[in-house]
PDB file of N, CA and C in Angstrom:
ATOM      1  N   MET A   1       0.850  -1.174   0.000  1.00  0.00           N
ATOM      2  CA  MET A   1       0.000   0.000   0.000  1.00  0.00           C
ATOM      3  C   MET A   1       0.894   1.235   0.000  1.00  0.00           C
ATOM      4  N   PRO A   2       0.904   2.007  -1.063  1.00  0.00           N
ATOM      5  CA  PRO A   2       1.734   3.208  -1.090  1.00  0.00           C
ATOM      6  C   PRO A   2       1.122   4.308  -0.228  1.00  0.00           C
ATOM      7  N   PHE A   3       1.971   5.007   0.469  1.00  0.00           N
ATOM      8  CA  PHE A   3       1.547   6.106   1.324  1.00  0.00           C
ATOM      9  C   PHE A   3       2.085   7.406   0.766  1.00  0.00           C
ATOM     10  N   SER A   4       1.305   8.441   0.865  1.00  0.00           N
ATOM     11  CA  SER A   4       1.770   9.782   0.529  1.00  0.00           C
ATOM     12  C   SER A   4       2.423  10.371   1.778  1.00  0.00           C
ATOM     13  N   PRO A   5       3.480  11.192   1.646  1.00  0.00           N
ATOM     14  CA  PRO A   5       4.099  11.811   2.820  1.00  0.00           C
ATOM     15  C   PRO A   5       3.131  12.666   3.625  1.00  0.00           C
ATOM     16  N   THR A   6       2.049  13.123   2.979  1.00  0.00           N
ATOM     17  CA  THR A   6       1.090  13.963   3.697  1.00  0.00           C
ATOM     18  C   THR A   6      -0.056  13.173   4.312  1.00  0.00           C
ATOM     19  N   ASP A   7      -0.179  11.874   3.991  1.00  0.00           N
ATOM     20  CA  ASP A   7      -1.228  11.051   4.599  1.00  0.00           C
ATOM     21  C   ASP A   7      -1.064  11.056   6.113  1.00  0.00           C
ATOM     22  N   CYS A   8      -2.181  11.121   6.814  1.00  0.00           N
ATOM     23  CA  CYS A   8      -2.157  11.013   8.268  1.00  0.00           C
ATOM     24  C   CYS A   8      -2.331   9.536   8.624  1.00  0.00           C
ATOM     25  N   VAL A   9      -1.510   9.053   9.528  1.00  0.00           N
ATOM     26  CA  VAL A   9      -1.508   7.629   9.867  1.00  0.00           C
ATOM     27  C   VAL A   9      -1.863   7.469  11.343  1.00  0.00           C
ATOM     28  N   SER A  10      -2.806   6.575  11.613  1.00  0.00           N
ATOM     29  CA  SER A  10      -3.277   6.308  12.967  1.00  0.00           C
ATOM     30  C   SER A  10      -3.291   4.819  13.235  1.00  0.00           C
ATOM     31  N   ALA A  11      -3.140   4.465  14.503  1.00  0.00           N
ATOM     32  CA  ALA A  11      -3.345   3.078  14.900  1.00  0.00           C
ATOM     33  C   ALA A  11      -4.815   2.752  14.646  1.00  0.00           C
ATOM     34  N   ALA A  12      -5.102   1.518  14.275  1.00  0.00           N
ATOM     35  CA  ALA A  12      -6.475   1.102  13.993  1.00  0.00           C
ATOM     36  C   ALA A  12      -7.355   1.314  15.219  1.00  0.00           C
ATOM     37  N   ARG A  13      -8.570   1.702  14.956  1.00  0.00           N
ATOM     38  CA  ARG A  13      -9.537   1.941  16.036  1.00  0.00           C
ATOM     39  C   ARG A  13      -9.802   0.649  16.797  1.00  0.00           C
ATOM     40  N   GLY A  14      -9.824   0.753  18.114  1.00  0.00           N
ATOM     41  CA  GLY A  14     -10.133  -0.395  18.958  1.00  0.00           C
ATOM     42  C   GLY A  14      -8.946  -1.299  19.264  1.00  0.00           C
ATOM     43  N   LEU A  15      -7.809  -1.015  18.674  1.00  0.00           N
ATOM     44  CA  LEU A  15      -6.619  -1.839  18.874  1.00  0.00           C
ATOM     45  C   LEU A  15      -6.226  -1.831  20.347  1.00  0.00           C
ATOM     46  N   ARG A  16      -5.891  -2.982  20.861  1.00  0.00           N
ATOM     47  CA  ARG A  16      -5.479  -3.089  22.270  1.00  0.00           C
ATOM     48  C   ARG A  16      -4.027  -3.537  22.313  1.00  0.00           C
ATOM     49  N   LEU A  17      -3.221  -2.757  23.005  1.00  0.00           N
ATOM     50  CA  LEU A  17      -1.793  -3.061  23.107  1.00  0.00           C
ATOM     51  C   LEU A  17      -1.446  -3.508  24.515  1.00  0.00           C
ATOM     52  N   ARG A  18      -0.624  -4.538  24.604  1.00  0.00           N
ATOM     53  CA  ARG A  18      -0.138  -5.037  25.883  1.00  0.00           C
ATOM     54  C   ARG A  18       1.372  -5.132  25.787  1.00  0.00           C
ATOM     55  N   PRO A  19       2.090  -4.103  26.264  1.00  0.00           N
ATOM     56  CA  PRO A  19       3.555  -4.143  26.221  1.00  0.00           C
ATOM     57  C   PRO A  19       4.115  -5.287  27.066  1.00  0.00           C
ATOM     58  N   VAL A  20       5.149  -5.915  26.560  1.00  0.00           N
ATOM     59  CA  VAL A  20       5.897  -6.937  27.286  1.00  0.00           C
ATOM     60  C   VAL A  20       7.363  -6.502  27.210  1.00  0.00           C
ATOM     61  N   PRO A  21       7.718  -5.421  27.943  1.00  0.00           N
ATOM     62  CA  PRO A  21       9.051  -4.832  27.798  1.00  0.00           C
ATOM     63  C   PRO A  21      10.196  -5.775  28.171  1.00  0.00           C
ATOM     64  N   GLU A  22       9.956  -6.674  29.093  1.00  0.00           N
ATOM     65  CA  GLU A  22      11.027  -7.603  29.481  1.00  0.00           C
ATOM     66  C   GLU A  22      11.419  -8.531  28.338  1.00  0.00           C
ATOM     67  N   MET A  23      10.555  -8.663  27.343  1.00  0.00           N
ATOM     68  CA  MET A  23      10.853  -9.479  26.172  1.00  0.00           C
ATOM     69  C   MET A  23      11.091  -8.619  24.934  1.00  0.00           C
ATOM     70  N   GLY A  24      10.990  -7.281  25.093  1.00  0.00           N
ATOM     71  CA  GLY A  24      11.191  -6.381  23.963  1.00  0.00           C
ATOM     72  C   GLY A  24      10.110  -6.500  22.905  1.00  0.00           C
ATOM     73  N   THR A  25       8.901  -6.868  23.349  1.00  0.00           N
ATOM     74  CA  THR A  25       7.792  -7.036  22.417  1.00  0.00           C
ATOM     75  C   THR A  25       6.541  -6.343  22.951  1.00  0.00           C
ATOM     76  N   CYS A  26       5.549  -6.308  22.095  1.00  0.00           N
ATOM     77  CA  CYS A  26       4.235  -5.788  22.467  1.00  0.00           C
ATOM     78  C   CYS A  26       3.196  -6.662  21.779  1.00  0.00           C
ATOM     79  N   LEU A  27       2.197  -7.054  22.512  1.00  0.00           N
ATOM     80  CA  LEU A  27       1.097  -7.810  21.920  1.00  0.00           C
ATOM     81  C   LEU A  27       0.050  -6.811  21.460  1.00  0.00           C
ATOM     82  N   ALA A  28      -0.418  -6.972  20.252  1.00  0.00           N
ATOM     83  CA  ALA A  28      -1.434  -6.093  19.690  1.00  0.00           C
ATOM     84  C   ALA A  28      -2.638  -6.950  19.320  1.00  0.00           C
ATOM     85  N   TYR A  29      -3.750  -6.697  19.993  1.00  0.00           N
ATOM     86  CA  TYR A  29      -4.974  -7.431  19.697  1.00  0.00           C
ATOM     87  C   TYR A  29      -5.891  -6.553  18.859  1.00  0.00           C
ATOM     88  N   ASP A  30      -6.314  -7.083  17.734  1.00  0.00           N
ATOM     89  CA  ASP A  30      -7.214  -6.387  16.821  1.00  0.00           C
ATOM     90  C   ASP A  30      -8.594  -7.028  16.950  1.00  0.00           C
ATOM     91  N   PRO A  31      -9.489  -6.411  17.745  1.00  0.00           N
ATOM     92  CA  PRO A  31     -10.805  -7.027  17.953  1.00  0.00           C
ATOM     93  C   PRO A  31     -11.653  -7.074  16.689  1.00  0.00           C
ATOM     94  N   ALA A  32     -11.425  -6.165  15.743  1.00  0.00           N
ATOM     95  CA  ALA A  32     -12.203  -6.175  14.504  1.00  0.00           C
ATOM     96  C   ALA A  32     -11.942  -7.438  13.688  1.00  0.00           C
ATOM     97  N   ARG A  33     -10.735  -7.954  13.775  1.00  0.00           N
ATOM     98  CA  ARG A  33     -10.371  -9.164  13.034  1.00  0.00           C
ATOM     99  C   ARG A  33     -10.166 -10.374  13.949  1.00  0.00           C
ATOM    100  N   ALA A  34     -10.300 -10.155  15.259  1.00  0.00           N
ATOM    101  CA  ALA A  34     -10.068 -11.203  16.259  1.00  0.00           C
ATOM    102  C   ALA A  34      -8.700 -11.848  16.058  1.00  0.00           C
ATOM    103  N   ARG A  35      -7.673 -10.968  15.927  1.00  0.00           N
ATOM    104  CA  ARG A  35      -6.305 -11.459  15.723  1.00  0.00           C
ATOM    105  C   ARG A  35      -5.371 -10.850  16.759  1.00  0.00           C
ATOM    106  N   LEU A  36      -4.408 -11.659  17.178  1.00  0.00           N
ATOM    107  CA  LEU A  36      -3.376 -11.225  18.106  1.00  0.00           C
ATOM    108  C   LEU A  36      -2.044 -11.239  17.370  1.00  0.00           C
ATOM    109  N   HIS A  37      -1.312 -10.131  17.456  1.00  0.00           N
ATOM    110  CA  HIS A  37      -0.023  -9.992  16.783  1.00  0.00           C
ATOM    111  C   HIS A  37       1.047  -9.729  17.831  1.00  0.00           C
ATOM    112  N   THR A  38       2.220 -10.280  17.613  1.00  0.00           N
ATOM    113  CA  THR A  38       3.377  -9.989  18.451  1.00  0.00           C
ATOM    114  C   THR A  38       4.287  -9.061  17.665  1.00  0.00           C
ATOM    115  N   LEU A  39       4.497  -7.865  18.204  1.00  0.00           N
ATOM    116  CA  LEU A  39       5.320  -6.867  17.538  1.00  0.00           C
ATOM    117  C   LEU A  39       6.701  -6.826  18.164  1.00  0.00           C
ATOM    118  N   ASN A  40       7.732  -6.734  17.323  1.00  0.00           N
ATOM    119  CA  ASN A  40       9.070  -6.535  17.861  1.00  0.00           C
ATOM    120  C   ASN A  40       9.190  -5.076  18.307  1.00  0.00           C
ATOM    121  N   ALA A  41      10.299  -4.720  18.919  1.00  0.00           N
ATOM    122  CA  ALA A  41      10.454  -3.380  19.478  1.00  0.00           C
ATOM    123  C   ALA A  41      10.339  -2.291  18.405  1.00  0.00           C
ATOM    124  N   THR A  42      10.856  -2.552  17.212  1.00  0.00           N
ATOM    125  CA  THR A  42      10.802  -1.551  16.146  1.00  0.00           C
ATOM    126  C   THR A  42       9.370  -1.332  15.677  1.00  0.00           C
ATOM    127  N   SER A  43       8.635  -2.391  15.472  1.00  0.00           N
ATOM    128  CA  SER A  43       7.233  -2.265  15.053  1.00  0.00           C
ATOM    129  C   SER A  43       6.388  -1.624  16.151  1.00  0.00           C
ATOM    130  N   TRP A  44       6.688  -1.964  17.382  1.00  0.00           N
ATOM    131  CA  TRP A  44       5.993  -1.391  18.538  1.00  0.00           C
ATOM    132  C   TRP A  44       6.199   0.119  18.564  1.00  0.00           C
ATOM    133  N   LEU A  45       7.451   0.546  18.401  1.00  0.00           N
ATOM    134  CA  LEU A  45       7.754   1.975  18.358  1.00  0.00           C
ATOM    135  C   LEU A  45       6.976   2.643  17.234  1.00  0.00           C
ATOM    136  N   LEU A  46       7.033   2.070  16.061  1.00  0.00           N
ATOM    137  CA  LEU A  46       6.366   2.657  14.905  1.00  0.00           C
ATOM    138  C   LEU A  46       4.861   2.774  15.138  1.00  0.00           C
ATOM    139  N   LEU A  47       4.246   1.731  15.657  1.00  0.00           N
ATOM    140  CA  LEU A  47       2.805   1.759  15.900  1.00  0.00           C
ATOM    141  C   LEU A  47       2.437   2.842  16.911  1.00  0.00           C
ATOM    142  N   THR A  48       3.233   3.008  17.952  1.00  0.00           N
ATOM    143  CA  THR A  48       2.913   4.030  18.954  1.00  0.00           C
ATOM    144  C   THR A  48       3.066   5.448  18.399  1.00  0.00           C
ATOM    145  N   LEU A  49       3.886   5.612  17.374  1.00  0.00           N
ATOM    146  CA  LEU A  49       4.047   6.932  16.766  1.00  0.00           C
ATOM    147  C   LEU A  49       2.904   7.274  15.809  1.00  0.00           C
ATOM    148  N   CYS A  50       2.123   6.284  15.404  1.00  0.00           N
ATOM    149  CA  CYS A  50       1.021   6.497  14.459  1.00  0.00           C
ATOM    150  C   CYS A  50      -0.191   7.031  15.218  1.00  0.00           C
ATOM    151  N   ASP A  51      -0.153   8.331  15.448  1.00  0.00           N
ATOM    152  CA  ASP A  51      -1.177   8.979  16.272  1.00  0.00           C
ATOM    153  C   ASP A  51      -2.003  10.009  15.509  1.00  0.00           C
ATOM    154  N   GLY A  52      -2.067   9.852  14.196  1.00  0.00           N
ATOM    155  CA  GLY A  52      -2.871  10.750  13.390  1.00  0.00           C
ATOM    156  C   GLY A  52      -2.088  11.859  12.713  1.00  0.00           C
ATOM    157  N   ARG A  53      -0.778  11.899  12.948  1.00  0.00           N
ATOM    158  CA  ARG A  53       0.065  12.907  12.299  1.00  0.00           C
ATOM    159  C   ARG A  53       0.366  12.495  10.865  1.00  0.00           C
ATOM    160  N   PRO A  54       0.853  13.455  10.066  1.00  0.00           N
ATOM    161  CA  PRO A  54       1.271  13.101   8.713  1.00  0.00           C
ATOM    162  C   PRO A  54       2.431  12.105   8.716  1.00  0.00           C
ATOM    163  N   ARG A  55       2.454  11.275   7.702  1.00  0.00           N
ATOM    164  CA  ARG A  55       3.483  10.236   7.563  1.00  0.00           C
ATOM    165  C   ARG A  55       4.890  10.815   7.676  1.00  0.00           C
ATOM    166  N   ALA A  56       5.132  11.956   7.073  1.00  0.00           N
ATOM    167  CA  ALA A  56       6.473  12.555   7.096  1.00  0.00           C
ATOM    168  C   ALA A  56       6.907  12.897   8.513  1.00  0.00           C
ATOM    169  N   ALA A  57       5.995  13.393   9.339  1.00  0.00           N
ATOM    170  CA  ALA A  57       6.326  13.728  10.725  1.00  0.00           C
ATOM    171  C   ALA A  57       6.629  12.467  11.536  1.00  0.00           C
ATOM    172  N   ILE A  58       5.861  11.406  11.292  1.00  0.00           N
ATOM    173  CA  ILE A  58       6.093  10.138  11.985  1.00  0.00           C
ATOM    174  C   ILE A  58       7.441   9.564  11.560  1.00  0.00           C
ATOM    175  N   ALA A  59       7.738   9.632  10.265  1.00  0.00           N
ATOM    176  CA  ALA A  59       9.014   9.116   9.757  1.00  0.00           C
ATOM    177  C   ALA A  59      10.188   9.836  10.402  1.00  0.00           C
ATOM    178  N   ALA A  60      10.100  11.151  10.539  1.00  0.00           N
ATOM    179  CA  ALA A  60      11.194  11.925  11.134  1.00  0.00           C
ATOM    180  C   ALA A  60      11.423  11.499  12.578  1.00  0.00           C
ATOM    181  N   GLU A  61      10.352  11.362  13.347  1.00  0.00           N
ATOM    182  CA  GLU A  61      10.510  10.963  14.754  1.00  0.00           C
ATOM    183  C   GLU A  61      11.010   9.527  14.876  1.00  0.00           C
ATOM    184  N   PHE A  62      10.503   8.643  14.022  1.00  0.00           N
ATOM    185  CA  PHE A  62      10.937   7.244  14.029  1.00  0.00           C
ATOM    186  C   PHE A  62      12.432   7.152  13.728  1.00  0.00           C
ATOM    187  N   ASN A  63      12.876   7.828  12.682  1.00  0.00           N
ATOM    188  CA  ASN A  63      14.288   7.777  12.306  1.00  0.00           C
ATOM    189  C   ASN A  63      15.180   8.409  13.367  1.00  0.00           C
ATOM    190  N   ASP A  64      14.735   9.496  13.988  1.00  0.00           N
ATOM    191  CA  ASP A  64      15.496  10.110  15.079  1.00  0.00           C
ATOM    192  C   ASP A  64      15.638   9.136  16.249  1.00  0.00           C
ATOM    193  N   ALA A  65      14.548   8.450  16.584  1.00  0.00           N
ATOM    194  CA  ALA A  65      14.579   7.497  17.694  1.00  0.00           C
ATOM    195  C   ALA A  65      15.549   6.351  17.400  1.00  0.00           C
ATOM    196  N   LEU A  66      15.525   5.829  16.187  1.00  0.00           N
ATOM    197  CA  LEU A  66      16.429   4.727  15.840  1.00  0.00           C
ATOM    198  C   LEU A  66      17.888   5.179  15.821  1.00  0.00           C
ATOM    199  N   ARG A  67      18.133   6.390  15.324  1.00  0.00           N
ATOM    200  CA  ARG A  67      19.515   6.895  15.284  1.00  0.00           C
ATOM    201  C   ARG A  67      20.082   7.119  16.679  1.00  0.00           C
ATOM    202  N   SER A  68      19.219   7.374  17.652  1.00  0.00           N
ATOM    203  CA  SER A  68      19.694   7.629  19.009  1.00  0.00           C
ATOM    204  C   SER A  68      20.080   6.345  19.746  1.00  0.00           C
ATOM    205  N   LEU A  69      19.735   5.194  19.187  1.00  0.00           N
ATOM    206  CA  LEU A  69      20.070   3.915  19.821  1.00  0.00           C
ATOM    207  C   LEU A  69      21.516   3.542  19.532  1.00  0.00           C
ATOM    208  N   PRO A  70      22.160   2.873  20.486  1.00  0.00           N
ATOM    209  CA  PRO A  70      23.520   2.403  20.204  1.00  0.00           C
ATOM    210  C   PRO A  70      23.486   1.283  19.172  1.00  0.00           C
ATOM    211  N   GLY A  71      24.599   1.091  18.510  1.00  0.00           N
ATOM    212  CA  GLY A  71      24.691   0.011  17.528  1.00  0.00           C
ATOM    213  C   GLY A  71      24.684   0.546  16.114  1.00  0.00           C
ATOM    214  N   PRO A  72      24.506  -0.353  15.164  1.00  0.00           N
ATOM    215  CA  PRO A  72      24.564   0.055  13.756  1.00  0.00           C
ATOM    216  C   PRO A  72      23.396   0.973  13.389  1.00  0.00           C
ATOM    217  N   ALA A  73      23.590   1.747  12.355  1.00  0.00           N
ATOM    218  CA  ALA A  73      22.551   2.654  11.864  1.00  0.00           C
ATOM    219  C   ALA A  73      21.349   1.844  11.391  1.00  0.00           C
ATOM    220  N   PRO A  74      20.168   2.440  11.447  1.00  0.00           N
ATOM    221  CA  PRO A  74      18.981   1.713  10.976  1.00  0.00           C
ATOM    222  C   PRO A  74      19.073   1.414   9.489  1.00  0.00           C
ATOM    223  N   GLU A  75      18.437   0.328   9.099  1.00  0.00           N
ATOM    224  CA  GLU A  75      18.384  -0.074   7.690  1.00  0.00           C
ATOM    225  C   GLU A  75      17.695   0.991   6.861  1.00  0.00           C
ATOM    226  N   GLN A  76      18.197   1.195   5.669  1.00  0.00           N
ATOM    227  CA  GLN A  76      17.529   2.099   4.733  1.00  0.00           C
ATOM    228  C   GLN A  76      16.144   1.534   4.426  1.00  0.00           C
ATOM    229  N   GLY A  77      15.113   2.324   4.533  1.00  0.00           N
ATOM    230  CA  GLY A  77      13.757   1.883   4.216  1.00  0.00           C
ATOM    231  C   GLY A  77      13.041   1.178   5.340  1.00  0.00           C
ATOM    232  N   ALA A  78      13.626   1.135   6.547  1.00  0.00           N
ATOM    233  CA  ALA A  78      12.981   0.441   7.669  1.00  0.00           C
ATOM    234  C   ALA A  78      11.617   1.037   7.977  1.00  0.00           C
ATOM    235  N   PHE A  79      11.519   2.355   7.910  1.00  0.00           N
ATOM    236  CA  PHE A  79      10.246   3.010   8.209  1.00  0.00           C
ATOM    237  C   PHE A  79       9.169   2.607   7.203  1.00  0.00           C
ATOM    238  N   SER A  80       9.467   2.737   5.930  1.00  0.00           N
ATOM    239  CA  SER A  80       8.469   2.431   4.890  1.00  0.00           C
ATOM    240  C   SER A  80       8.030   0.973   4.937  1.00  0.00           C
ATOM    241  N   ARG A  81       8.992   0.073   5.074  1.00  0.00           N
ATOM    242  CA  ARG A  81       8.652  -1.358   5.142  1.00  0.00           C
ATOM    243  C   ARG A  81       7.811  -1.650   6.378  1.00  0.00           C
ATOM    244  N   GLY A  82       8.213  -1.078   7.498  1.00  0.00           N
ATOM    245  CA  GLY A  82       7.471  -1.311   8.742  1.00  0.00           C
ATOM    246  C   GLY A  82       6.046  -0.797   8.660  1.00  0.00           C
ATOM    247  N   LEU A  83       5.879   0.390   8.103  1.00  0.00           N
ATOM    248  CA  LEU A  83       4.545   0.964   7.972  1.00  0.00           C
ATOM    249  C   LEU A  83       3.687   0.129   7.019  1.00  0.00           C
ATOM    250  N   GLU A  84       4.267  -0.323   5.941  1.00  0.00           N
ATOM    251  CA  GLU A  84       3.527  -1.173   4.996  1.00  0.00           C
ATOM    252  C   GLU A  84       3.107  -2.485   5.654  1.00  0.00           C
ATOM    253  N   GLN A  85       3.985  -3.064   6.480  1.00  0.00           N
ATOM    254  CA  GLN A  85       3.642  -4.313   7.162  1.00  0.00           C
ATOM    255  C   GLN A  85       2.515  -4.095   8.172  1.00  0.00           C
ATOM    256  N   LEU A  86       2.590  -2.980   8.922  1.00  0.00           N
ATOM    257  CA  LEU A  86       1.513  -2.685   9.877  1.00  0.00           C
ATOM    258  C   LEU A  86       0.189  -2.474   9.150  1.00  0.00           C
ATOM    259  N   ALA A  87       0.233  -1.808   8.008  1.00  0.00           N
ATOM    260  CA  ALA A  87      -0.986  -1.587   7.216  1.00  0.00           C
ATOM    261  C   ALA A  87      -1.531  -2.908   6.684  1.00  0.00           C
ATOM    262  N   ALA A  88      -0.650  -3.786   6.214  1.00  0.00           N
ATOM    263  CA  ALA A  88      -1.083  -5.084   5.685  1.00  0.00           C
ATOM    264  C   ALA A  88      -1.766  -5.922   6.766  1.00  0.00           C
ATOM    265  N   LEU A  89      -1.324  -5.757   8.008  1.00  0.00           N
ATOM    266  CA  LEU A  89      -1.934  -6.485   9.126  1.00  0.00           C
ATOM    267  C   LEU A  89      -3.212  -5.809   9.619  1.00  0.00           C
ATOM    268  N   GLY A  90      -3.498  -4.621   9.106  1.00  0.00           N
ATOM    269  CA  GLY A  90      -4.680  -3.885   9.538  1.00  0.00           C
ATOM    270  C   GLY A  90      -4.495  -3.149  10.843  1.00  0.00           C
ATOM    271  N   LEU A  91      -3.237  -2.941  11.253  1.00  0.00           N
ATOM    272  CA  LEU A  91      -2.966  -2.296  12.540  1.00  0.00           C
ATOM    273  C   LEU A  91      -2.893  -0.779  12.446  1.00  0.00           C
ATOM    274  N   VAL A  92      -2.757  -0.250  11.236  1.00  0.00           N
ATOM    275  CA  VAL A  92      -2.783   1.201  11.044  1.00  0.00           C
ATOM    276  C   VAL A  92      -3.739   1.550   9.902  1.00  0.00           C
ATOM    277  N   THR A  93      -4.249   2.760   9.961  1.00  0.00           N
ATOM    278  CA  THR A  93      -5.115   3.271   8.901  1.00  0.00           C
ATOM    279  C   THR A  93      -4.567   4.621   8.456  1.00  0.00           C
ATOM    280  N   THR A  94      -4.900   4.998   7.240  1.00  0.00           N
ATOM    281  CA  THR A  94      -4.462   6.286   6.721  1.00  0.00           C
ATOM    282  C   THR A  94      -5.667   7.112   6.299  1.00  0.00           C
ATOM    283  N   ALA A  95      -5.456   8.398   6.315  1.00  0.00           N
ATOM    284  CA  ALA A  95      -6.465   9.340   5.832  1.00  0.00           C
ATOM    285  C   ALA A  95      -5.727  10.486   5.174  1.00  0.00           C
ATOM    286  N   ALA A  96      -6.335  11.044   4.163  1.00  0.00           N
ATOM    287  CA  ALA A  96      -5.726  12.202   3.512  1.00  0.00           C
ATOM    288  C   ALA A  96      -5.659  13.339   4.522  1.00  0.00           C
ATOM    289  N   ASN A  97      -4.568  14.056   4.492  1.00  0.00           N
ATOM    290  CA  ASN A  97      -4.373  15.195   5.382  1.00  0.00           C
ATOM    291  C   ASN A  97      -5.176  16.375   4.833  1.00  0.00           C
ATOM    292  N   PRO A  98      -6.208  16.834   5.549  1.00  0.00           N
ATOM    293  CA  PRO A  98      -7.020  17.927   5.028  1.00  0.00           C
ATOM    294  C   PRO A  98      -6.237  19.233   4.892  1.00  0.00           C
ATOM    295  N   HIS A  99      -5.175  19.384   5.660  1.00  0.00           N
ATOM    296  CA  HIS A  99      -4.376  20.603   5.611  1.00  0.00           C
ATOM    297  C   HIS A  99      -3.413  20.604   4.429  1.00  0.00           C
ATOM    298  N   ALA A 100      -3.118  19.438   3.864  1.00  0.00           N
ATOM    299  CA  ALA A 100      -2.164  19.363   2.756  1.00  0.00           C
ATOM    300  C   ALA A 100      -2.689  20.105   1.533  1.00  0.00           C
ATOM    301  N   SER A 101      -3.953  19.909   1.186  1.00  0.00           N
ATOM    302  CA  SER A 101      -4.496  20.597   0.016  1.00  0.00           C
ATOM    303  C   SER A 101      -4.628  22.089   0.278  1.00  0.00           C
ATOM    304  N   MET A 102      -4.913  22.475   1.521  1.00  0.00           N
ATOM    305  CA  MET A 102      -4.998  23.893   1.850  1.00  0.00           C
ATOM    306  C   MET A 102      -3.627  24.545   1.734  1.00  0.00           C
ATOM    307  N   GLN A 103      -2.588  23.832   2.160  1.00  0.00           N
ATOM    308  CA  GLN A 103      -1.226  24.358   2.079  1.00  0.00           C
ATOM    309  C   GLN A 103      -0.820  24.540   0.623  1.00  0.00           C
ATOM    310  N   THR A 104      -1.165  23.586  -0.218  1.00  0.00           N
ATOM    311  CA  THR A 104      -0.829  23.682  -1.629  1.00  0.00           C
ATOM    312  C   THR A 104      -1.519  24.896  -2.251  1.00  0.00           C
ATOM    313  N   ARG A 105      -2.775  25.084  -1.928  1.00  0.00           N
ATOM    314  CA  ARG A 105      -3.514  26.224  -2.481  1.00  0.00           C
ATOM    315  C   ARG A 105      -2.935  27.549  -1.991  1.00  0.00           C
ATOM    316  N   LYS A 106      -2.527  27.584  -0.725  1.00  0.00           N
ATOM    317  CA  LYS A 106      -1.971  28.810  -0.165  1.00  0.00           C
ATOM    318  C   LYS A 106      -0.665  29.168  -0.841  1.00  0.00           C
ATOM    319  N   ASP A 107       0.144  28.172  -1.210  1.00  0.00           N
ATOM    320  CA  ASP A 107       1.441  28.407  -1.818  1.00  0.00           C
ATOM    321  C   ASP A 107       1.343  28.673  -3.317  1.00  0.00           C
ATOM    322  N   THR A 108       0.212  28.351  -3.922  1.00  0.00           N
ATOM    323  CA  THR A 108       0.048  28.516  -5.357  1.00  0.00           C
ATOM    324  C   THR A 108      -0.436  29.934  -5.644  1.00  0.00           C
ATOM    325  N   PRO A 109       0.265  30.651  -6.527  1.00  0.00           N
ATOM    326  CA  PRO A 109      -0.192  32.017  -6.840  1.00  0.00           C
ATOM    327  C   PRO A 109      -1.558  32.006  -7.508  1.00  0.00           C
ATOM    328  N   PRO A 110      -2.372  33.043  -7.274  1.00  0.00           N
ATOM    329  CA  PRO A 110      -3.726  33.082  -7.858  1.00  0.00           C
ATOM    330  C   PRO A 110      -3.712  33.240  -9.353  1.00  0.00           C
TER     331      PRO A 110
END
């Protein structure tokens, strides 16, 4: 599922999260599909950042968080792949950013 940088991304409605920090995972229960998912720490972080902001803002915070961790640099494309996987599982939803079209119109000369 391709995402626009201006799309707003949110965790799916009704999703129930149960962090298991001692194992570096989070259980995500989707009552709409009656499915339980085990998220690794990276997916857990990404899902918690999906709070209705535009994709570009979430990507910036996600990449900053990963860069602040010790160890090797994050994989190129980790954000996009992770977001696509969460969307495929039905754990996130997207909506067009209503402010994006207003911004474009404001910047366009009459």
